[in-house]
Amino acid sequence: MASDGYPTNLINTWASISFVGWSVLPSLVHAATARAWPAYKHLPRHVQIGWCNRIGSAAHAIMLVAAQSQSLCNSHLWAEPLTAVSDAHFFWGSVMLGYLVYDTSHLLRTWKDAGRLSFLVHHLTALACVVLGIYGGRLAVFGMATQVAFELTTPLLHTLGCLKVAGRHRTKLYVALSAAFFLMFLICRVITASLILGWMAACVMALPSPKPVWAWAGLALYCVLCAVNFHWFAMLCSMARKMVQPQRTSSTALKELTAIQSTAELVRSFSGPLRLRMKASDPLASRFALLKAGNRLEDRSSGEHLIRARLPSGA
């Protein structure tokens, strides 16, 4: 049922309960995993913490996707996408607020390097979106749709993380799930999220001038979320290239070895001084092979290396 408002104290209550629940869940996961998997006790402490957090995050994602998918069936929300709200919007928004506060605090506690900066930006931006949505009573349908699109990828992501901890990251199952996650991320967090952002921008532009500050703020926040997704997708593309790199490297290494052997035979077939030019980008292995044959390597300012082969006659 549609609602024009929701008591602030009720939002705070649900958010607090959510925070406590998600904070306690990792301890329950830790105890259950220790009983079910004996090897778990021998894992480093930080790996155990990561394992428990992954299980909790996946549980949150599954619950949120199921609930918000039903909430989006409310036709009232689609009639006024910028301002229409519902009780489900406030309730599940409060649950997500509690989770995001917990997960952001976990991220800061386990902070290791600047590589997690994008995660922190994502969490803080998501927190701002939720606060604007539930305390400002705005952008309900966009928040719900974005939560569904984003969280659809979370269970599979953490499944891959758990498989890696369990030492199953070299199996065919892991490779298949990695490919599935790549496609799901592309569809949900890149394509679908971009369509949602475009729809929001069209709705904001259709508002009469002067446009309200909350509309510009919401649009800016969702732009940041999409930018982080594009950054992560670029990282995924880089990881995908590295997964197929060993096959390409083996083929390249074989070609380089053949070239080295041919060059060495060519050098040995001449007597007296011999000049060969090689680009600086050529593999070090081929230059080293020529040096082992008794050649001298000289650097030139032109960016090329000059190899002088001085072999005795009859060599």
Protein backbone atom coordinates (compact mmCIF):
# COMPACT_ATOMS: atom_id res chain seq x y z
CA MET A 1 0.00 0.00 0.00
CA ALA A 2 1.27 3.44 -0.89
CA SER A 3 2.29 5.75 1.91
CA ASP A 4 3.05 9.46 1.85
CA GLY A 5 5.25 9.25 4.91
CA TYR A 6 6.84 6.96 7.43
CA PRO A 7 7.74 7.75 11.08
CA THR A 8 11.37 8.67 11.42
CA ASN A 9 11.66 6.84 14.72
CA LEU A 10 10.44 3.67 13.01
CA ILE A 11 13.11 4.06 10.32
CA ASN A 12 15.75 4.42 13.03
CA THR A 13 14.42 1.38 14.90
CA TRP A 14 14.49 -0.92 11.88
CA ALA A 15 17.92 0.36 10.84
CA SER A 16 19.29 -0.31 14.34
CA ILE A 17 17.84 -3.82 14.44
CA SER A 18 19.30 -4.46 10.99
CA PHE A 19 22.75 -3.25 12.06
CA VAL A 20 22.77 -5.49 15.14
CA GLY A 21 21.54 -8.48 13.14
CA TRP A 22 24.18 -8.19 10.42
CA SER A 23 26.86 -7.62 13.08
CA VAL A 24 25.93 -10.84 14.90
CA LEU A 25 25.51 -13.01 11.79
CA PRO A 26 29.27 -13.39 11.06
CA SER A 27 29.79 -14.94 14.50
CA LEU A 28 27.05 -17.47 13.83
CA VAL A 29 28.54 -18.24 10.40
CA HIS A 30 31.97 -18.66 12.01
CA ALA A 31 30.68 -21.17 14.55
CA ALA A 32 28.69 -23.14 11.97
CA THR A 33 31.56 -23.27 9.47
CA ALA A 34 34.04 -24.39 12.13
CA ARG A 35 31.79 -27.35 12.95
CA ALA A 36 31.02 -28.29 9.35
CA TRP A 37 34.50 -27.78 7.85
CA PRO A 38 37.45 -28.88 10.04
CA ALA A 39 40.06 -27.23 7.78
CA TYR A 40 38.41 -23.85 8.42
CA LYS A 41 40.00 -23.69 11.88
CA HIS A 42 43.46 -23.64 10.31
CA LEU A 43 42.78 -20.68 8.02
CA PRO A 44 44.33 -17.30 8.89
CA ARG A 45 42.10 -15.07 10.98
CA HIS A 46 41.64 -12.46 8.26
CA VAL A 47 40.57 -15.19 5.81
CA GLN A 48 37.99 -16.44 8.28
CA ILE A 49 36.65 -12.91 8.74
CA GLY A 50 36.38 -12.50 4.97
CA TRP A 51 34.60 -15.85 4.64
CA CYS A 52 31.97 -14.94 7.26
CA ASN A 53 31.41 -11.52 5.77
CA ARG A 54 30.90 -13.04 2.31
CA ILE A 55 28.22 -15.40 3.63
CA GLY A 56 26.42 -12.53 5.37
CA SER A 57 26.62 -10.29 2.33
CA ALA A 58 25.24 -13.00 0.06
CA ALA A 59 22.35 -13.62 2.48
CA HIS A 60 21.55 -9.91 2.54
CA ALA A 61 21.60 -9.74 -1.27
CA ILE A 62 19.27 -12.72 -1.71
CA MET A 63 16.80 -11.35 0.83
CA LEU A 64 16.86 -7.83 -0.62
CA VAL A 65 16.42 -8.97 -4.24
CA ALA A 66 13.46 -11.17 -3.32
CA ALA A 67 11.76 -8.42 -1.29
CA GLN A 68 12.40 -5.48 -3.61
CA SER A 69 11.38 -7.44 -6.70
CA GLN A 70 7.94 -7.79 -5.14
CA SER A 71 7.92 -4.15 -4.04
CA LEU A 72 8.47 -3.02 -7.62
CA CYS A 73 5.13 -4.56 -8.58
CA ASN A 74 3.40 -1.59 -6.94
CA SER A 75 1.98 0.39 -9.88
CA HIS A 76 1.74 3.53 -7.73
CA LEU A 77 5.52 3.83 -7.72
CA TRP A 78 5.78 3.83 -11.50
CA ALA A 79 3.18 6.57 -11.94
CA GLU A 80 5.37 9.14 -10.11
CA PRO A 81 8.87 7.64 -10.12
CA LEU A 82 10.59 10.63 -8.49
CA THR A 83 8.23 11.24 -5.59
CA ALA A 84 6.02 8.17 -5.06
CA VAL A 85 6.88 6.03 -2.02
CA SER A 86 5.57 2.92 -0.29
CA ASP A 87 5.84 1.25 3.10
CA ALA A 88 8.09 -1.41 1.59
CA HIS A 89 10.41 1.33 0.34
CA PHE A 90 10.87 2.67 3.87
CA PHE A 91 11.13 -0.72 5.58
CA TRP A 92 13.64 -2.35 3.21
CA GLY A 93 15.49 0.92 2.87
CA SER A 94 15.91 0.91 6.66
CA VAL A 95 17.16 -2.68 6.55
CA MET A 96 19.68 -1.75 3.88
CA LEU A 97 20.77 1.32 5.85
CA GLY A 98 21.64 -0.89 8.82
CA TYR A 99 23.51 -3.31 6.58
CA LEU A 100 25.48 -0.58 4.82
CA VAL A 101 26.55 0.93 8.16
CA TYR A 102 27.74 -2.51 9.29
CA ASP A 103 29.49 -3.33 6.00
CA THR A 104 31.19 0.08 5.79
CA SER A 105 32.51 -0.31 9.35
CA HIS A 106 33.75 -3.80 8.42
CA LEU A 107 35.48 -2.36 5.36
CA LEU A 108 37.25 0.27 7.46
CA ARG A 109 38.27 -2.28 10.10
CA THR A 110 39.83 -4.56 7.50
CA TRP A 111 41.32 -1.77 5.39
CA LYS A 112 44.67 -2.80 3.92
CA ASP A 113 45.53 -0.61 0.96
CA ALA A 114 44.17 1.98 -1.46
CA GLY A 115 42.88 -0.84 -3.65
CA ARG A 116 39.70 -0.78 -1.60
CA LEU A 117 39.08 2.91 -2.18
CA SER A 118 36.50 2.17 -4.87
CA PHE A 119 34.57 -0.02 -2.41
CA LEU A 120 34.56 2.76 0.16
CA VAL A 121 33.32 5.26 -2.43
CA HIS A 122 30.59 2.80 -3.44
CA HIS A 123 29.47 2.23 0.16
CA LEU A 124 29.43 5.92 1.13
CA THR A 125 27.53 6.83 -2.05
CA ALA A 126 25.01 4.05 -1.46
CA LEU A 127 24.55 5.28 2.11
CA ALA A 128 23.81 8.77 0.82
CA CYS A 129 21.29 7.35 -1.69
CA VAL A 130 19.48 5.38 1.02
CA VAL A 131 19.38 8.37 3.39
CA LEU A 132 17.95 10.57 0.62
CA GLY A 133 15.43 7.87 -0.26
CA ILE A 134 14.05 6.99 3.17
CA TYR A 135 14.50 10.22 5.14
CA GLY A 136 13.68 12.46 2.18
CA GLY A 137 10.93 10.22 0.81
CA ARG A 138 12.20 10.41 -2.76
CA LEU A 139 13.38 8.21 -5.66
CA ALA A 140 11.79 5.02 -4.30
CA VAL A 141 11.40 3.17 -7.59
CA PHE A 142 14.93 4.07 -8.71
CA GLY A 143 16.36 2.88 -5.40
CA MET A 144 14.48 -0.42 -5.54
CA ALA A 145 15.38 -1.09 -9.17
CA THR A 146 19.03 -0.27 -8.55
CA GLN A 147 19.18 -2.52 -5.48
CA VAL A 148 17.76 -5.44 -7.46
CA ALA A 149 20.13 -4.87 -10.39
CA PHE A 150 23.22 -4.48 -8.20
CA GLU A 151 22.52 -7.22 -5.65
CA LEU A 152 21.74 -9.84 -8.29
CA THR A 153 25.48 -10.15 -8.88
CA THR A 154 26.46 -10.36 -5.19
CA PRO A 155 25.68 -14.04 -4.40
CA LEU A 156 27.70 -15.26 -7.38
CA LEU A 157 30.58 -12.93 -6.51
CA HIS A 158 30.82 -14.32 -2.98
CA THR A 159 30.41 -17.88 -4.22
CA LEU A 160 33.56 -17.35 -6.27
CA GLY A 161 35.30 -15.89 -3.23
CA CYS A 162 34.37 -18.89 -1.08
CA LEU A 163 35.48 -21.34 -3.77
CA LYS A 164 38.84 -19.58 -3.87
CA VAL A 165 39.23 -19.84 -0.10
CA ALA A 166 38.38 -23.54 -0.34
CA GLY A 167 41.11 -24.03 -2.95
CA ARG A 168 38.69 -24.67 -5.82
CA HIS A 169 39.75 -21.70 -7.95
CA ARG A 170 41.46 -23.89 -10.58
CA THR A 171 38.43 -26.05 -11.28
CA LYS A 172 36.14 -25.96 -14.31
CA LEU A 173 33.28 -24.95 -12.01
CA TYR A 174 35.18 -21.84 -10.93
CA VAL A 175 35.98 -20.90 -14.53
CA ALA A 176 32.35 -21.40 -15.59
CA LEU A 177 31.02 -19.34 -12.66
CA SER A 178 33.59 -16.61 -13.39
CA ALA A 179 32.32 -16.36 -16.97
CA ALA A 180 28.73 -16.27 -15.72
CA PHE A 181 29.61 -13.53 -13.23
CA PHE A 182 31.29 -11.47 -15.95
CA LEU A 183 28.17 -11.63 -18.12
CA MET A 184 25.85 -10.95 -15.19
CA PHE A 185 27.90 -7.94 -14.12
CA LEU A 186 27.80 -6.59 -17.66
CA ILE A 187 24.03 -7.03 -17.94
CA CYS A 188 23.03 -5.91 -14.43
CA ARG A 189 25.59 -3.38 -13.23
CA VAL A 190 26.61 -1.84 -16.54
CA ILE A 191 23.75 -2.05 -19.05
CA THR A 192 20.72 -2.13 -16.71
CA ALA A 193 22.20 0.41 -14.30
CA SER A 194 22.94 2.75 -17.20
CA LEU A 195 19.34 2.44 -18.43
CA ILE A 196 18.03 3.23 -14.92
CA LEU A 197 20.32 6.26 -14.74
CA GLY A 198 19.15 7.45 -18.16
CA TRP A 199 15.53 7.09 -17.10
CA MET A 200 16.20 9.06 -13.91
CA ALA A 201 17.95 11.80 -15.87
CA ALA A 202 14.99 12.06 -18.24
CA CYS A 203 12.58 12.37 -15.30
CA VAL A 204 14.72 15.05 -13.63
CA MET A 205 15.02 17.02 -16.85
CA ALA A 206 11.22 16.91 -17.23
CA LEU A 207 10.71 18.68 -13.92
CA PRO A 208 9.77 22.36 -14.13
CA SER A 209 12.48 24.90 -13.42
CA PRO A 210 13.92 25.61 -10.97
CA LYS A 211 14.54 21.94 -10.35
CA PRO A 212 14.71 20.86 -6.68
CA VAL A 213 18.09 20.27 -5.06
CA TRP A 214 17.19 16.70 -4.06
CA ALA A 215 16.64 15.79 -7.73
CA TRP A 216 20.10 17.02 -8.73
CA ALA A 217 21.64 15.36 -5.66
CA GLY A 218 20.01 12.03 -6.43
CA LEU A 219 21.09 12.16 -10.06
CA ALA A 220 24.68 12.98 -9.05
CA LEU A 221 24.81 10.12 -6.53
CA TYR A 222 23.55 7.58 -9.04
CA CYS A 223 26.11 8.85 -11.56
CA VAL A 224 28.85 8.08 -9.04
CA LEU A 225 27.48 4.56 -8.50
CA CYS A 226 27.49 3.92 -12.23
CA ALA A 227 31.02 5.31 -12.55
CA VAL A 228 32.24 2.87 -9.86
CA ASN A 229 30.55 0.02 -11.73
CA PHE A 230 32.34 0.98 -14.94
CA HIS A 231 35.62 1.05 -13.00
CA TRP A 232 34.98 -2.44 -11.63
CA PHE A 233 34.00 -3.73 -15.05
CA ALA A 234 37.30 -2.48 -16.44
CA MET A 235 39.04 -4.43 -13.66
CA LEU A 236 37.02 -7.52 -14.59
CA CYS A 237 38.10 -7.18 -18.22
CA SER A 238 41.72 -6.97 -17.11
CA MET A 239 41.30 -10.09 -14.96
CA ALA A 240 39.64 -11.94 -17.84
CA ARG A 241 42.62 -11.15 -20.07
CA LYS A 242 44.99 -12.51 -17.44
CA MET A 243 43.01 -15.75 -17.21
CA VAL A 244 43.65 -16.49 -20.89
CA GLN A 245 47.18 -15.03 -20.86
CA PRO A 246 48.99 -18.35 -20.06
CA GLN A 247 47.79 -19.92 -23.31
CA ARG A 248 48.93 -16.92 -25.35
CA THR A 249 52.22 -16.81 -23.45
CA SER A 250 52.99 -20.45 -24.24
CA SER A 251 52.37 -19.87 -27.94
CA THR A 252 54.47 -16.69 -27.93
CA ALA A 253 57.29 -18.36 -26.03
CA LEU A 254 57.46 -21.14 -28.63
CA LYS A 255 57.71 -18.61 -31.46
CA GLU A 256 60.43 -16.66 -29.61
CA LEU A 257 62.42 -19.83 -28.99
CA THR A 258 62.28 -20.70 -32.69
CA ALA A 259 63.42 -17.16 -33.60
CA ILE A 260 66.31 -17.36 -31.12
CA GLN A 261 67.51 -20.66 -32.51
CA SER A 262 67.31 -19.38 -36.09
CA THR A 263 69.23 -16.21 -35.19
CA ALA A 264 71.91 -18.20 -33.39
CA GLU A 265 72.37 -20.44 -36.44
CA LEU A 266 72.60 -17.37 -38.64
CA VAL A 267 75.29 -15.83 -36.45
CA ARG A 268 77.34 -19.01 -36.41
CA SER A 269 77.27 -19.26 -40.21
CA PHE A 270 79.25 -16.01 -40.60
CA SER A 271 82.88 -15.26 -39.86
CA GLY A 272 84.18 -11.85 -38.90
CA PRO A 273 82.17 -8.86 -37.74
CA LEU A 274 78.40 -9.06 -38.06
CA ARG A 275 75.86 -6.33 -37.28
CA LEU A 276 72.28 -7.07 -36.30
CA ARG A 277 69.68 -4.53 -35.24
CA MET A 278 66.99 -5.36 -32.73
CA LYS A 279 64.24 -3.14 -31.39
CA ALA A 280 64.32 -2.34 -27.70
CA SER A 281 60.87 -3.92 -27.39
CA ASP A 282 62.18 -7.35 -28.38
CA PRO A 283 62.17 -9.92 -25.56
CA LEU A 284 65.16 -9.89 -23.26
CA ALA A 285 65.46 -13.64 -23.70
CA SER A 286 66.43 -13.36 -27.37
CA ARG A 287 69.04 -10.68 -26.65
CA PHE A 288 70.43 -12.77 -23.80
CA ALA A 289 70.70 -15.82 -26.07
CA LEU A 290 72.81 -13.83 -28.51
CA LEU A 291 75.01 -12.53 -25.69
CA LYS A 292 75.64 -16.08 -24.52
CA ALA A 293 76.85 -16.90 -28.03
CA GLY A 294 79.70 -14.40 -27.52
CA ASN A 295 78.09 -11.18 -28.72
CA ARG A 296 78.35 -7.67 -27.27
CA LEU A 297 75.25 -5.56 -26.58
CA GLU A 298 75.42 -1.78 -26.98
CA ASP A 299 72.66 0.73 -26.17
CA ARG A 300 71.95 3.46 -28.71
CA SER A 301 70.08 6.69 -28.10
CA SER A 302 67.84 5.86 -31.05
CA GLY A 303 65.95 3.40 -28.89
CA GLU A 304 67.48 0.38 -30.62
CA HIS A 305 70.15 -2.05 -29.52
CA LEU A 306 73.12 -2.78 -31.78
CA ILE A 307 74.56 -6.26 -31.54
CA ARG A 308 78.05 -6.84 -32.86
CA ALA A 309 78.98 -10.47 -33.33
CA ARG A 310 82.71 -11.07 -33.44
CA LEU A 311 83.25 -14.74 -34.02
CA PRO A 312 86.58 -16.30 -35.09
CA SER A 313 86.85 -17.74 -38.57
CA GLY A 314 85.74 -21.31 -38.79
CA ALA A 315 83.58 -21.03 -35.69
